Amino acid sequence: MLHIMTASKPFRATSAPKVKYNELKAKHQENYNFAKVSALLANFGFYTLRLTDDWQGIDFIAHNARSNQTLFVQLKGRFEFNEKYKGKEIYMCFPNEINDAQRMWYLFPHDEMMAFMEASGGIGADALKNNKGQSRKRPSKKIFFYLKENGYELGLEGA
């Protein structure tokens, strides 16, 4: 017989304290981020499947049964692109903190952004050659403009 241990008191969302993202350990932040982005993708008809071993640079797969579209996604805590993801048809996903209670999520094709950065001078050829990529906690206004204009804002995560 299966016995499941339960808390002595029932869970009530109205009385439970919400987590503070910045106080979570790195692995817990990753779990939190996956849950948040999965909820946003569900708004567009996608369901997600998390991969446990970062298979070929992919953290999760998002599939839309209506459109039969499948996305291979690398989940990051900040904006990033890197040579190691080039040519793999990977989407990058990251949040940008707006305030203590809200983050805007972005989902973009990695290689398209890399080409844009190279062509627009957003990153010098030497930096790409020497660093193999770039990671920014706060991307430039030019990057945010590009993401918004091309429809890569996934949605706003509320408190």
Protein backbone atom coordinates (compact mmCIF):
# COMPACT_ATOMS: atom_id res chain seq x y z
CA MET A 1 0.00 0.00 0.00
CA LEU A 2 1.29 3.42 -0.94
CA HIS A 3 1.54 5.86 1.93
CA ILE A 4 2.14 9.49 1.12
CA MET A 5 3.31 11.75 3.88
CA THR A 6 1.43 15.02 4.08
CA ALA A 7 1.96 18.18 6.04
CA SER A 8 0.12 18.40 9.34
CA LYS A 9 -1.78 21.43 8.03
CA PRO A 10 -3.37 21.73 4.59
CA PHE A 11 -1.73 24.06 2.11
CA ARG A 12 -3.54 27.36 1.73
CA ALA A 13 -2.27 29.83 -0.86
CA THR A 14 -3.75 32.71 1.09
CA SER A 15 -1.57 32.05 4.12
CA ALA A 16 1.58 30.57 2.57
CA PRO A 17 4.50 32.96 2.09
CA LYS A 18 5.66 33.41 -1.50
CA VAL A 19 9.27 32.56 -2.23
CA LYS A 20 11.82 35.28 -2.81
CA TYR A 21 13.61 34.34 -6.02
CA ASN A 22 16.93 35.92 -5.00
CA GLU A 23 16.97 33.85 -1.80
CA LEU A 24 16.69 30.53 -3.66
CA LYS A 25 19.72 28.34 -4.33
CA ALA A 26 20.84 28.14 -7.98
CA LYS A 27 19.18 24.76 -8.67
CA HIS A 28 15.94 25.96 -7.10
CA GLN A 29 16.07 29.13 -9.23
CA GLU A 30 16.38 26.91 -12.30
CA ASN A 31 13.32 24.89 -11.24
CA TYR A 32 11.41 28.10 -10.51
CA ASN A 33 12.34 29.59 -13.90
CA PHE A 34 11.28 26.44 -15.72
CA ALA A 35 7.88 26.49 -14.00
CA LYS A 36 7.36 30.19 -14.80
CA VAL A 37 8.33 29.94 -18.46
CA SER A 38 6.27 26.75 -18.88
CA ALA A 39 3.21 28.62 -17.62
CA LEU A 40 3.84 31.44 -20.10
CA LEU A 41 4.32 29.00 -23.00
CA ALA A 42 1.04 27.27 -22.06
CA ASN A 43 -0.70 30.55 -22.97
CA PHE A 44 0.36 29.88 -26.57
CA GLY A 45 -0.61 26.19 -26.61
CA PHE A 46 2.82 24.75 -25.81
CA TYR A 47 3.51 22.05 -23.31
CA THR A 48 7.03 21.56 -22.03
CA LEU A 49 9.26 18.61 -21.31
CA ARG A 50 12.27 19.23 -19.12
CA LEU A 51 15.46 17.37 -19.92
CA THR A 52 17.55 16.24 -16.98
CA ASP A 53 20.94 16.24 -18.67
CA ASP A 54 21.17 19.43 -20.76
CA TRP A 55 21.06 17.30 -23.92
CA GLN A 56 23.01 18.97 -26.77
CA GLY A 57 22.69 22.32 -25.01
CA ILE A 58 18.92 22.01 -24.59
CA ASP A 59 17.25 22.40 -21.18
CA PHE A 60 13.71 21.68 -22.33
CA ILE A 61 11.53 20.97 -25.33
CA ALA A 62 8.34 22.95 -25.97
CA HIS A 63 5.78 21.45 -28.33
CA ASN A 64 2.57 22.91 -29.71
CA ALA A 65 0.22 20.15 -30.86
CA ARG A 66 -2.05 22.56 -32.77
CA SER A 67 0.68 24.01 -34.95
CA ASN A 68 2.99 20.98 -34.68
CA GLN A 69 5.82 23.36 -33.78
CA THR A 70 8.63 22.11 -31.57
CA LEU A 71 11.18 24.38 -29.92
CA PHE A 72 14.48 23.30 -28.39
CA VAL A 73 15.16 25.73 -25.56
CA GLN A 74 18.15 26.73 -23.47
CA LEU A 75 16.90 28.40 -20.29
CA LYS A 76 19.08 31.13 -18.83
CA GLY A 77 18.80 33.49 -15.90
CA ARG A 78 20.07 36.34 -18.10
CA PHE A 79 20.53 37.27 -21.77
CA GLU A 80 23.16 35.12 -23.48
CA PHE A 81 24.34 33.81 -26.79
CA ASN A 82 27.33 31.56 -27.33
CA GLU A 83 29.23 29.77 -30.11
CA LYS A 84 28.45 26.39 -28.50
CA TYR A 85 24.75 26.82 -29.36
CA LYS A 86 25.35 27.96 -32.94
CA GLY A 87 23.83 25.86 -35.72
CA LYS A 88 21.67 23.77 -33.36
CA GLU A 89 18.34 25.55 -33.97
CA ILE A 90 18.13 26.43 -30.28
CA TYR A 91 15.92 29.10 -28.77
CA MET A 92 17.26 31.06 -25.82
CA CYS A 93 14.92 32.04 -23.01
CA PHE A 94 15.63 34.50 -20.22
CA PRO A 95 13.85 36.85 -17.82
CA ASN A 96 14.48 40.54 -17.34
CA GLU A 97 13.58 41.96 -13.97
CA ILE A 98 11.27 44.95 -14.20
CA ASN A 99 10.80 45.39 -10.45
CA ASP A 100 10.82 43.23 -7.31
CA ALA A 101 7.55 41.58 -8.30
CA GLN A 102 7.69 41.30 -12.09
CA ARG A 103 9.91 39.91 -14.81
CA MET A 104 9.43 40.02 -18.58
CA TRP A 105 10.40 36.78 -20.32
CA TYR A 106 11.99 36.62 -23.75
CA LEU A 107 12.29 33.68 -26.15
CA PHE A 108 14.37 34.11 -29.29
CA PRO A 109 16.20 32.03 -31.92
CA HIS A 110 19.84 31.92 -30.85
CA ASP A 111 21.44 32.11 -34.31
CA GLU A 112 19.22 34.98 -35.43
CA MET A 113 20.25 37.03 -32.39
CA MET A 114 23.90 36.17 -32.89
CA ALA A 115 23.71 37.36 -36.51
CA PHE A 116 21.95 40.55 -35.43
CA MET A 117 24.60 41.25 -32.78
CA GLU A 118 27.43 40.73 -35.26
CA ALA A 119 25.78 42.81 -38.01
CA SER A 120 24.71 45.69 -35.77
CA GLY A 121 28.00 46.05 -33.96
CA GLY A 122 26.36 45.01 -30.72
CA ILE A 123 29.37 42.83 -30.17
CA GLY A 124 32.70 43.18 -31.86
CA ALA A 125 34.08 40.35 -33.95
CA ASP A 126 37.04 40.15 -31.57
CA ALA A 127 34.80 39.72 -28.55
CA LEU A 128 32.94 36.88 -30.23
CA LYS A 129 36.22 35.30 -31.34
CA ASN A 130 37.89 35.66 -27.93
CA ASN A 131 34.93 35.06 -25.62
CA LYS A 132 32.88 32.70 -27.82
CA GLY A 133 29.75 34.61 -26.82
CA GLN A 134 28.29 37.06 -24.42
CA SER A 135 26.16 37.10 -21.30
CA ARG A 136 24.55 40.23 -19.90
CA LYS A 137 22.43 40.74 -16.83
CA ARG A 138 21.00 43.89 -18.39
CA PRO A 139 21.04 43.85 -22.21
CA SER A 140 21.24 47.12 -24.12
CA LYS A 141 18.21 49.12 -25.26
CA LYS A 142 19.05 48.06 -28.81
CA ILE A 143 18.71 44.38 -27.85
CA PHE A 144 15.41 44.96 -26.04
CA PHE A 145 14.09 46.94 -29.01
CA TYR A 146 15.06 44.09 -31.37
CA LEU A 147 13.40 41.50 -29.12
CA LYS A 148 10.18 43.50 -28.84
CA GLU A 149 9.98 44.50 -32.52
CA ASN A 150 10.45 40.91 -33.65
CA GLY A 151 7.82 39.45 -31.31
CA TYR A 152 10.20 37.73 -28.91
CA GLU A 153 8.59 39.00 -25.69
CA LEU A 154 7.03 35.86 -24.25
CA GLY A 155 5.12 37.57 -21.48
CA LEU A 156 5.11 39.17 -18.11
CA GLU A 157 5.49 37.10 -14.99
CA GLY A 158 3.55 38.63 -12.12
CA ALA A 159 4.06 38.45 -8.39
